[in-house]
Amino acid sequence: MAQNDPNPIIDEDLFTAAQWYDQSINWNARLGRELPVLVELFGPPADGGILDAGCGTGRQALALSEQGYRVVGADASGEMLQVARSLEPAGAGSIRFVQSSYEDLFGEVGGGFDGLFCLGNALAASGSFDATEKALSQFAKCLRVGGRLFVQILNFGPMREENPCVRGPRVVTVDGVEYISTRQFTFLEDRAIVTNVTLWNDQGWRKRAHSGRLYPLMLDELRTICGRVDLHIDDVSGSYHRDPFDPEESVDLIFVATRQ
């Protein structure tokens, strides 16, 4: 961009990566979709409790805790958990946040959970087929026999055919400033590179860009892995409204499984 441009775009980090993530999401809308489905699946609060694997900044875990569930939120990122703990109400005794990778999950949080959920591509963030299998094996160990698993990722199949593959924009307002974010997915053999770009105008245009890697899981792979790790897939859908999963059209890939 020319140096005399009257409105230069300035790269700037006002927040930590975890804060950027947390502020880029319309949590009222997202929790409005997710919580009714989770509550219906897991049933009334019980002694075994619920595990949020890849909990990020803990919004779902906190919301379930407020409804009476005993919840453990686990994430590999200490930065994400720092935000989660900052959001925790004073004196809350029914929630605990634990730093753990998927590979170490059972050793860190133990077993016997009534339910476990993993949302928002957190499972795809495992990075490879082998890492996904290890993650689902740990999920199964953390559940009691008969415990329920709920996983939501994107339906990556049709996304591979888009060029460019862009999602968004997502628009949120924080302290009176409007933030506009888009995500671009670039598929390279067995991985997807996701680049998020956020723009906002606060006394001049500013920009934040960052990239991450996902493993673009497919339904047949999930069926294969679940069959190996004592998880029986009970239901597959393409949205939180329980629309039938369409490999060519569905935006999401959602599945429910039971620990055998």
Protein backbone atom coordinates (compact mmCIF):
# COMPACT_ATOMS: atom_id res chain seq x y z
CA MET A 1 0.00 0.00 0.00
CA ALA A 2 1.30 3.45 -0.88
CA GLN A 3 2.82 5.39 1.98
CA ASN A 4 0.55 8.37 1.32
CA ASP A 5 -2.61 6.30 1.54
CA PRO A 6 -4.96 8.37 3.75
CA ASN A 7 -6.46 5.23 5.34
CA PRO A 8 -3.66 2.69 5.83
CA ILE A 9 -4.48 -0.69 7.31
CA ILE A 10 -2.36 -1.15 10.42
CA ASP A 11 -1.53 -4.58 11.82
CA GLU A 12 -2.26 -4.54 15.52
CA ASP A 13 -2.81 -6.98 18.38
CA LEU A 14 -5.03 -5.40 21.01
CA PHE A 15 -5.87 -8.70 22.67
CA THR A 16 -4.32 -12.10 23.27
CA ALA A 17 -5.15 -14.81 20.72
CA ALA A 18 -7.65 -16.29 23.17
CA GLN A 19 -9.34 -12.92 23.64
CA TRP A 20 -9.53 -12.46 19.86
CA TYR A 21 -11.19 -15.86 19.58
CA ASP A 22 -13.65 -15.15 22.37
CA GLN A 23 -14.64 -11.74 21.04
CA SER A 24 -15.07 -12.92 17.44
CA ILE A 25 -18.08 -15.09 18.29
CA ASN A 26 -21.70 -14.14 18.87
CA TRP A 27 -22.05 -16.24 22.00
CA ASN A 28 -25.75 -15.54 22.53
CA ALA A 29 -26.54 -16.98 19.11
CA ARG A 30 -24.12 -19.87 19.40
CA LEU A 31 -25.18 -20.97 22.87
CA GLY A 32 -28.80 -20.60 21.78
CA ARG A 33 -28.12 -23.31 19.16
CA GLU A 34 -25.89 -25.58 21.18
CA LEU A 35 -27.18 -25.68 24.76
CA PRO A 36 -30.72 -27.02 24.13
CA VAL A 37 -29.24 -29.90 22.12
CA LEU A 38 -26.64 -30.74 24.78
CA VAL A 39 -29.15 -30.58 27.63
CA GLU A 40 -31.57 -32.84 25.76
CA LEU A 41 -28.82 -35.33 24.96
CA PHE A 42 -27.25 -35.52 28.41
CA GLY A 43 -30.49 -35.36 30.38
CA PRO A 44 -30.81 -33.99 33.93
CA PRO A 45 -27.58 -33.34 35.86
CA ALA A 46 -26.17 -36.54 37.36
CA ASP A 47 -23.24 -37.54 39.53
CA GLY A 48 -20.88 -38.43 36.69
CA GLY A 49 -20.75 -34.92 35.31
CA ILE A 50 -19.97 -33.58 31.85
CA LEU A 51 -16.56 -33.10 30.17
CA ASP A 52 -15.98 -30.34 27.62
CA ALA A 53 -12.98 -31.52 25.57
CA GLY A 54 -11.26 -28.64 23.80
CA CYS A 55 -13.27 -26.15 25.84
CA GLY A 56 -11.47 -23.03 24.59
CA THR A 57 -12.63 -20.06 26.64
CA GLY A 58 -15.18 -22.21 28.44
CA ARG A 59 -18.43 -20.57 27.39
CA GLN A 60 -20.38 -23.83 26.94
CA ALA A 61 -18.94 -25.34 30.11
CA LEU A 62 -19.90 -22.27 32.12
CA ALA A 63 -23.41 -22.22 30.66
CA LEU A 64 -23.98 -25.89 31.56
CA SER A 65 -22.61 -25.29 35.04
CA GLU A 66 -25.17 -22.53 35.52
CA GLN A 67 -27.87 -25.10 34.72
CA GLY A 68 -26.73 -27.38 37.52
CA TYR A 69 -24.29 -29.71 35.78
CA ARG A 70 -20.94 -30.62 37.29
CA VAL A 71 -18.58 -29.73 34.44
CA VAL A 72 -14.89 -30.13 33.72
CA GLY A 73 -13.48 -28.04 30.86
CA ALA A 74 -10.20 -29.23 29.37
CA ASP A 75 -8.00 -27.47 26.83
CA ALA A 76 -4.36 -27.65 25.78
CA SER A 77 -4.05 -23.84 25.75
CA GLY A 78 -3.28 -22.16 29.04
CA GLU A 79 -4.15 -18.84 27.40
CA MET A 80 -7.66 -20.06 26.56
CA LEU A 81 -8.13 -21.36 30.10
CA GLN A 82 -6.98 -18.05 31.56
CA VAL A 83 -9.88 -16.36 29.77
CA ALA A 84 -12.25 -19.14 30.87
CA ARG A 85 -11.30 -18.72 34.52
CA SER A 86 -11.73 -14.95 34.24
CA LEU A 87 -15.34 -15.54 33.15
CA GLU A 88 -16.07 -17.96 36.00
CA PRO A 89 -18.49 -16.51 38.59
CA ALA A 90 -17.04 -16.03 42.06
CA GLY A 91 -17.69 -19.01 44.28
CA ALA A 92 -18.73 -21.35 41.46
CA GLY A 93 -18.14 -24.86 42.76
CA SER A 94 -19.58 -27.03 39.99
CA ILE A 95 -16.96 -26.32 37.33
CA ARG A 96 -13.25 -27.02 37.00
CA PHE A 97 -10.83 -26.09 34.23
CA VAL A 98 -7.87 -28.37 33.48
CA GLN A 99 -5.01 -27.87 31.03
CA SER A 100 -4.59 -31.04 29.01
CA SER A 101 -3.92 -32.26 25.49
CA TYR A 102 -6.27 -34.86 24.06
CA GLU A 103 -3.52 -37.45 24.33
CA ASP A 104 -3.29 -36.99 28.13
CA LEU A 105 -6.97 -36.36 28.79
CA PHE A 106 -7.87 -39.50 30.75
CA GLY A 107 -4.77 -39.18 32.93
CA GLU A 108 -5.60 -35.56 33.75
CA VAL A 109 -9.37 -35.69 34.37
CA GLY A 110 -10.15 -39.35 34.99
CA GLY A 111 -13.17 -41.36 33.90
CA GLY A 112 -16.80 -42.00 34.75
CA PHE A 113 -18.30 -38.97 32.98
CA ASP A 114 -21.95 -39.16 31.97
CA GLY A 115 -21.31 -37.08 28.87
CA LEU A 116 -18.55 -35.51 26.82
CA PHE A 117 -18.77 -32.93 24.05
CA CYS A 118 -16.26 -31.50 21.58
CA LEU A 119 -17.46 -28.58 19.45
CA GLY A 120 -16.41 -26.03 16.85
CA ASN A 121 -13.76 -28.07 14.98
CA ALA A 122 -11.86 -28.73 18.20
CA LEU A 123 -11.55 -32.40 17.18
CA ALA A 124 -10.32 -31.46 13.69
CA ALA A 125 -7.65 -29.35 15.41
CA SER A 126 -6.02 -32.62 16.52
CA GLY A 127 -4.16 -32.30 13.22
CA SER A 128 -3.97 -35.84 11.77
CA PHE A 129 -5.85 -39.11 11.44
CA ASP A 130 -3.68 -40.81 14.07
CA ALA A 131 -4.09 -37.92 16.52
CA THR A 132 -7.85 -38.00 15.97
CA GLU A 133 -7.94 -41.71 16.78
CA LYS A 134 -5.95 -41.10 19.96
CA ALA A 135 -8.32 -38.28 20.92
CA LEU A 136 -11.47 -40.38 20.43
CA SER A 137 -9.86 -43.25 22.33
CA GLN A 138 -9.25 -40.89 25.26
CA PHE A 139 -12.83 -39.59 25.00
CA ALA A 140 -14.12 -43.15 25.31
CA LYS A 141 -11.95 -43.82 28.37
CA CYS A 142 -13.27 -40.69 30.07
CA LEU A 143 -16.90 -41.80 29.64
CA ARG A 144 -18.66 -44.36 31.78
CA VAL A 145 -20.22 -47.30 29.98
CA GLY A 146 -23.41 -45.88 28.46
CA GLY A 147 -22.05 -42.33 28.56
CA ARG A 148 -22.84 -40.11 25.58
CA LEU A 149 -20.47 -38.31 23.21
CA PHE A 150 -21.43 -35.28 21.08
CA VAL A 151 -19.04 -33.99 18.40
CA GLN A 152 -19.51 -31.16 15.88
CA ILE A 153 -17.09 -30.31 13.08
CA LEU A 154 -17.48 -28.74 9.65
CA ASN A 155 -18.49 -30.88 6.69
CA PHE A 156 -15.17 -30.58 4.87
CA GLY A 157 -16.15 -32.60 1.77
CA PRO A 158 -17.86 -29.88 -0.29
CA MET A 159 -15.48 -27.22 1.02
CA ARG A 160 -12.62 -28.94 -0.83
CA GLU A 161 -14.36 -28.15 -4.11
CA GLU A 162 -14.58 -24.40 -3.45
CA ASN A 163 -11.82 -22.15 -4.71
CA PRO A 164 -11.47 -19.89 -2.87
CA CYS A 165 -13.21 -21.37 0.17
CA VAL A 166 -14.21 -18.44 2.39
CA ARG A 167 -16.58 -18.36 5.36
CA GLY A 168 -18.10 -15.26 6.92
CA PRO A 169 -18.15 -12.45 7.48
CA ARG A 170 -18.77 -12.66 11.21
CA VAL A 171 -19.54 -9.29 12.74
CA VAL A 172 -19.36 -8.48 16.45
CA THR A 173 -19.30 -5.20 18.37
CA VAL A 174 -16.99 -4.78 21.38
CA ASP A 175 -16.94 -1.51 23.34
CA GLY A 176 -18.65 0.27 20.46
CA VAL A 177 -16.19 -0.94 17.80
CA GLU A 178 -17.40 -3.26 15.03
CA TYR A 179 -15.10 -6.17 14.15
CA ILE A 180 -15.52 -7.97 10.83
CA SER A 181 -13.89 -11.39 10.41
CA THR A 182 -13.58 -13.86 7.53
CA ARG A 183 -11.96 -17.29 7.35
CA GLN A 184 -10.27 -18.78 4.30
CA PHE A 185 -9.66 -22.53 4.05
CA THR A 186 -6.83 -23.83 1.87
CA PHE A 187 -6.78 -27.62 1.45
CA LEU A 188 -3.40 -29.31 1.02
CA GLU A 189 -3.63 -33.11 0.80
CA ASP A 190 -4.38 -34.25 4.37
CA ARG A 191 -4.67 -30.86 6.04
CA ALA A 192 -6.58 -27.59 5.89
CA ILE A 193 -4.88 -24.28 6.57
CA VAL A 194 -7.36 -21.81 8.05
CA THR A 195 -6.55 -18.10 7.86
CA ASN A 196 -8.68 -15.71 9.88
CA VAL A 197 -8.61 -12.01 9.02
CA THR A 198 -10.29 -9.42 11.25
CA LEU A 199 -10.76 -5.78 10.22
CA TRP A 200 -12.02 -2.88 12.32
CA ASN A 201 -12.02 0.91 12.14
CA ASP A 202 -10.87 2.67 15.29
CA GLN A 203 -9.28 5.98 14.29
CA GLY A 204 -8.11 4.25 11.09
CA TRP A 205 -8.45 0.77 9.68
CA ARG A 206 -6.71 -2.02 11.56
CA LYS A 207 -6.12 -5.68 10.77
CA ARG A 208 -5.28 -8.90 12.55
CA ALA A 209 -4.49 -12.08 10.62
CA HIS A 210 -3.54 -15.50 11.94
CA SER A 211 -3.49 -19.08 10.63
CA GLY A 212 -4.01 -22.54 12.05
CA ARG A 213 -4.15 -26.13 10.86
CA LEU A 214 -7.04 -28.61 10.87
CA TYR A 215 -7.34 -32.23 9.84
CA PRO A 216 -10.38 -32.34 7.50
CA LEU A 217 -12.15 -35.34 8.99
CA MET A 218 -14.67 -37.26 6.93
CA LEU A 219 -17.61 -39.36 8.15
CA ASP A 220 -16.18 -42.68 6.97
CA GLU A 221 -13.01 -42.00 8.96
CA LEU A 222 -15.03 -41.21 12.09
CA ARG A 223 -17.01 -44.44 11.69
CA THR A 224 -13.79 -46.42 11.37
CA ILE A 225 -12.19 -44.84 14.42
CA CYS A 226 -15.28 -45.13 16.63
CA GLY A 227 -15.53 -48.83 15.79
CA ARG A 228 -11.98 -49.29 17.12
CA VAL A 229 -12.38 -47.42 20.41
CA ASP A 230 -15.62 -48.78 21.93
CA LEU A 231 -17.85 -45.97 20.68
CA HIS A 232 -21.11 -46.79 18.91
CA ILE A 233 -22.39 -44.02 16.62
CA ASP A 234 -26.10 -43.57 17.32
CA ASP A 235 -26.93 -40.61 15.12
CA VAL A 236 -25.39 -38.41 12.41
CA SER A 237 -26.88 -35.06 11.37
CA GLY A 238 -25.99 -32.02 9.34
CA SER A 239 -27.02 -29.26 11.76
CA TYR A 240 -28.14 -28.51 15.29
CA HIS A 241 -31.70 -28.71 13.94
CA ARG A 242 -31.03 -32.42 13.29
CA ASP A 243 -31.32 -32.14 9.55
CA PRO A 244 -30.20 -35.38 7.85
CA PHE A 245 -26.52 -35.32 6.99
CA ASP A 246 -25.97 -34.62 3.28
CA PRO A 247 -22.31 -35.13 2.27
CA GLU A 248 -22.71 -32.60 -0.57
CA GLU A 249 -24.83 -29.91 1.11
CA SER A 250 -24.62 -29.97 4.92
CA VAL A 251 -22.57 -27.25 6.58
CA ASP A 252 -21.84 -29.30 9.71
CA LEU A 253 -21.03 -32.91 10.49
CA ILE A 254 -22.51 -33.76 13.89
CA PHE A 255 -22.52 -37.18 15.48
CA VAL A 256 -23.70 -38.71 18.73
CA ALA A 257 -22.11 -41.89 20.10
CA THR A 258 -22.40 -44.09 23.16
CA ARG A 259 -19.53 -45.67 25.11
CA GLN A 260 -19.83 -49.47 24.87
